[in-house]
Amino acid sequence: MNTSLLNQSIARARAAVNGDFVSTARVVDHLLDLRNLAGSDEALVELIDRSLASIPGRSVAGNAWWLATLDTIERLATSADDPSPMPA
């Protein structure tokens, strides 16, 4: 996984947020891009797949949901990139 590219993609998605709603087509496009960038990180791919399956609304989704989803993906990607120290 390329965390830098993934974070840049998340930043672009956040920058595109305007108003209360976002097109579900845009959400799907961004999530598929993030899934591609996740590479072989199984936990991240699983989270993105769950997000794809749970997009609220047929044609639009709430930006609050979208921003929360991006935050969750970013937290998981960051934690995968910075593992906790091994216990002694």
C-alpha atoms as a PDB file:
ATOM      1  CA  MET A   1       0.000   0.000   0.000  1.00  0.00           C
ATOM      2  CA  ASN A   2       1.209   3.466  -0.839  1.00  0.00           C
ATOM      3  CA  THR A   3       0.028   5.483   2.169  1.00  0.00           C
ATOM      4  CA  SER A   4       1.166   8.786   0.676  1.00  0.00           C
ATOM      5  CA  LEU A   5      -0.927   8.338  -2.475  1.00  0.00           C
ATOM      6  CA  LEU A   6      -3.848   7.062  -0.427  1.00  0.00           C
ATOM      7  CA  ASN A   7      -3.707  10.136   1.829  1.00  0.00           C
ATOM      8  CA  GLN A   8      -3.501  12.417  -1.209  1.00  0.00           C
ATOM      9  CA  SER A   9      -6.569  10.741  -2.688  1.00  0.00           C
ATOM     10  CA  ILE A  10      -8.452  11.159   0.608  1.00  0.00           C
ATOM     11  CA  ALA A  11      -7.445  14.837   0.708  1.00  0.00           C
ATOM     12  CA  ARG A  12      -8.784  15.332  -2.835  1.00  0.00           C
ATOM     13  CA  ALA A  13     -12.054  13.645  -1.884  1.00  0.00           C
ATOM     14  CA  ARG A  14     -12.405  15.896   1.171  1.00  0.00           C
ATOM     15  CA  ALA A  15     -11.628  19.000  -0.896  1.00  0.00           C
ATOM     16  CA  ALA A  16     -14.458  18.100  -3.275  1.00  0.00           C
ATOM     17  CA  VAL A  17     -17.029  18.107  -0.446  1.00  0.00           C
ATOM     18  CA  ASN A  18     -19.492  20.931  -0.893  1.00  0.00           C
ATOM     19  CA  GLY A  19     -22.921  21.225   0.672  1.00  0.00           C
ATOM     20  CA  ASP A  20     -24.850  18.474   2.403  1.00  0.00           C
ATOM     21  CA  PHE A  21     -24.823  15.751  -0.250  1.00  0.00           C
ATOM     22  CA  VAL A  22     -22.482  14.014  -2.668  1.00  0.00           C
ATOM     23  CA  SER A  23     -23.273  11.928  -5.726  1.00  0.00           C
ATOM     24  CA  THR A  24     -23.086   8.217  -4.997  1.00  0.00           C
ATOM     25  CA  ALA A  25     -21.288   7.811  -8.331  1.00  0.00           C
ATOM     26  CA  ARG A  26     -18.537  10.111  -7.052  1.00  0.00           C
ATOM     27  CA  VAL A  27     -18.353   8.163  -3.770  1.00  0.00           C
ATOM     28  CA  VAL A  28     -18.072   4.857  -5.636  1.00  0.00           C
ATOM     29  CA  ASP A  29     -15.334   6.265  -7.898  1.00  0.00           C
ATOM     30  CA  HIS A  30     -13.315   7.527  -4.925  1.00  0.00           C
ATOM     31  CA  LEU A  31     -13.771   4.304  -2.957  1.00  0.00           C
ATOM     32  CA  LEU A  32     -12.657   2.196  -5.912  1.00  0.00           C
ATOM     33  CA  ASP A  33      -9.591   4.415  -6.319  1.00  0.00           C
ATOM     34  CA  LEU A  34      -8.818   3.975  -2.611  1.00  0.00           C
ATOM     35  CA  ARG A  35      -9.353   0.219  -2.906  1.00  0.00           C
ATOM     36  CA  ASN A  36      -6.834   0.104  -5.734  1.00  0.00           C
ATOM     37  CA  LEU A  37      -4.320   2.099  -3.670  1.00  0.00           C
ATOM     38  CA  ALA A  38      -4.879  -0.196  -0.668  1.00  0.00           C
ATOM     39  CA  GLY A  39      -3.125  -2.969  -2.582  1.00  0.00           C
ATOM     40  CA  SER A  40      -2.744  -6.113  -0.507  1.00  0.00           C
ATOM     41  CA  ASP A  41      -3.803  -4.552   2.820  1.00  0.00           C
ATOM     42  CA  GLU A  42      -6.668  -6.963   3.529  1.00  0.00           C
ATOM     43  CA  ALA A  43      -8.144  -4.993   6.434  1.00  0.00           C
ATOM     44  CA  LEU A  44      -8.263  -1.802   4.396  1.00  0.00           C
ATOM     45  CA  VAL A  45      -9.738  -3.546   1.349  1.00  0.00           C
ATOM     46  CA  GLU A  46     -12.382  -5.135   3.598  1.00  0.00           C
ATOM     47  CA  LEU A  47     -13.274  -1.754   5.123  1.00  0.00           C
ATOM     48  CA  ILE A  48     -13.576  -0.171   1.693  1.00  0.00           C
ATOM     49  CA  ASP A  49     -15.704  -3.071   0.445  1.00  0.00           C
ATOM     50  CA  ARG A  50     -18.025  -2.661   3.454  1.00  0.00           C
ATOM     51  CA  SER A  51     -18.213   1.062   2.724  1.00  0.00           C
ATOM     52  CA  LEU A  52     -19.101   0.382  -0.900  1.00  0.00           C
ATOM     53  CA  ALA A  53     -21.862  -1.983   0.215  1.00  0.00           C
ATOM     54  CA  SER A  54     -23.306   0.464   2.721  1.00  0.00           C
ATOM     55  CA  ILE A  55     -23.488   3.737   0.787  1.00  0.00           C
ATOM     56  CA  PRO A  56     -26.701   5.391   1.972  1.00  0.00           C
ATOM     57  CA  GLY A  57     -29.013   6.589  -0.783  1.00  0.00           C
ATOM     58  CA  ARG A  58     -29.481   5.672  -4.405  1.00  0.00           C
ATOM     59  CA  SER A  59     -28.250   8.779  -6.169  1.00  0.00           C
ATOM     60  CA  VAL A  60     -26.844  10.916  -3.346  1.00  0.00           C
ATOM     61  CA  ALA A  61     -25.266  10.277   0.037  1.00  0.00           C
ATOM     62  CA  GLY A  62     -24.856  12.627   2.951  1.00  0.00           C
ATOM     63  CA  ASN A  63     -21.511  14.369   3.177  1.00  0.00           C
ATOM     64  CA  ALA A  64     -21.439  13.664   6.927  1.00  0.00           C
ATOM     65  CA  TRP A  65     -21.412   9.918   6.154  1.00  0.00           C
ATOM     66  CA  TRP A  66     -18.829  10.402   3.406  1.00  0.00           C
ATOM     67  CA  LEU A  67     -16.456  12.432   5.584  1.00  0.00           C
ATOM     68  CA  ALA A  68     -16.786   9.938   8.451  1.00  0.00           C
ATOM     69  CA  THR A  69     -16.010   7.106   6.024  1.00  0.00           C
ATOM     70  CA  LEU A  70     -12.918   8.914   4.742  1.00  0.00           C
ATOM     71  CA  ASP A  71     -11.782   9.511   8.346  1.00  0.00           C
ATOM     72  CA  THR A  72     -12.169   5.814   9.170  1.00  0.00           C
ATOM     73  CA  ILE A  73     -10.243   4.732   6.079  1.00  0.00           C
ATOM     74  CA  GLU A  74      -7.482   7.236   6.822  1.00  0.00           C
ATOM     75  CA  ARG A  75      -7.180   6.082  10.455  1.00  0.00           C
ATOM     76  CA  LEU A  76      -6.890   2.438   9.416  1.00  0.00           C
ATOM     77  CA  ALA A  77      -4.351   3.229   6.691  1.00  0.00           C
ATOM     78  CA  THR A  78      -2.292   5.309   9.107  1.00  0.00           C
ATOM     79  CA  SER A  79      -2.362   2.641  11.802  1.00  0.00           C
ATOM     80  CA  ALA A  80      -1.290   0.009   9.275  1.00  0.00           C
ATOM     81  CA  ASP A  81       1.622   2.232   8.266  1.00  0.00           C
ATOM     82  CA  ASP A  82       2.695   2.872  11.880  1.00  0.00           C
ATOM     83  CA  PRO A  83       2.429  -0.408  13.799  1.00  0.00           C
ATOM     84  CA  SER A  84       2.474  -0.444  17.574  1.00  0.00           C
ATOM     85  CA  PRO A  85       5.701  -1.535  19.216  1.00  0.00           C
ATOM     86  CA  MET A  86       5.991  -5.222  19.971  1.00  0.00           C
ATOM     87  CA  PRO A  87       5.562  -6.124  23.651  1.00  0.00           C
ATOM     88  CA  ALA A  88       8.711  -7.143  25.509  1.00  0.00           C
END
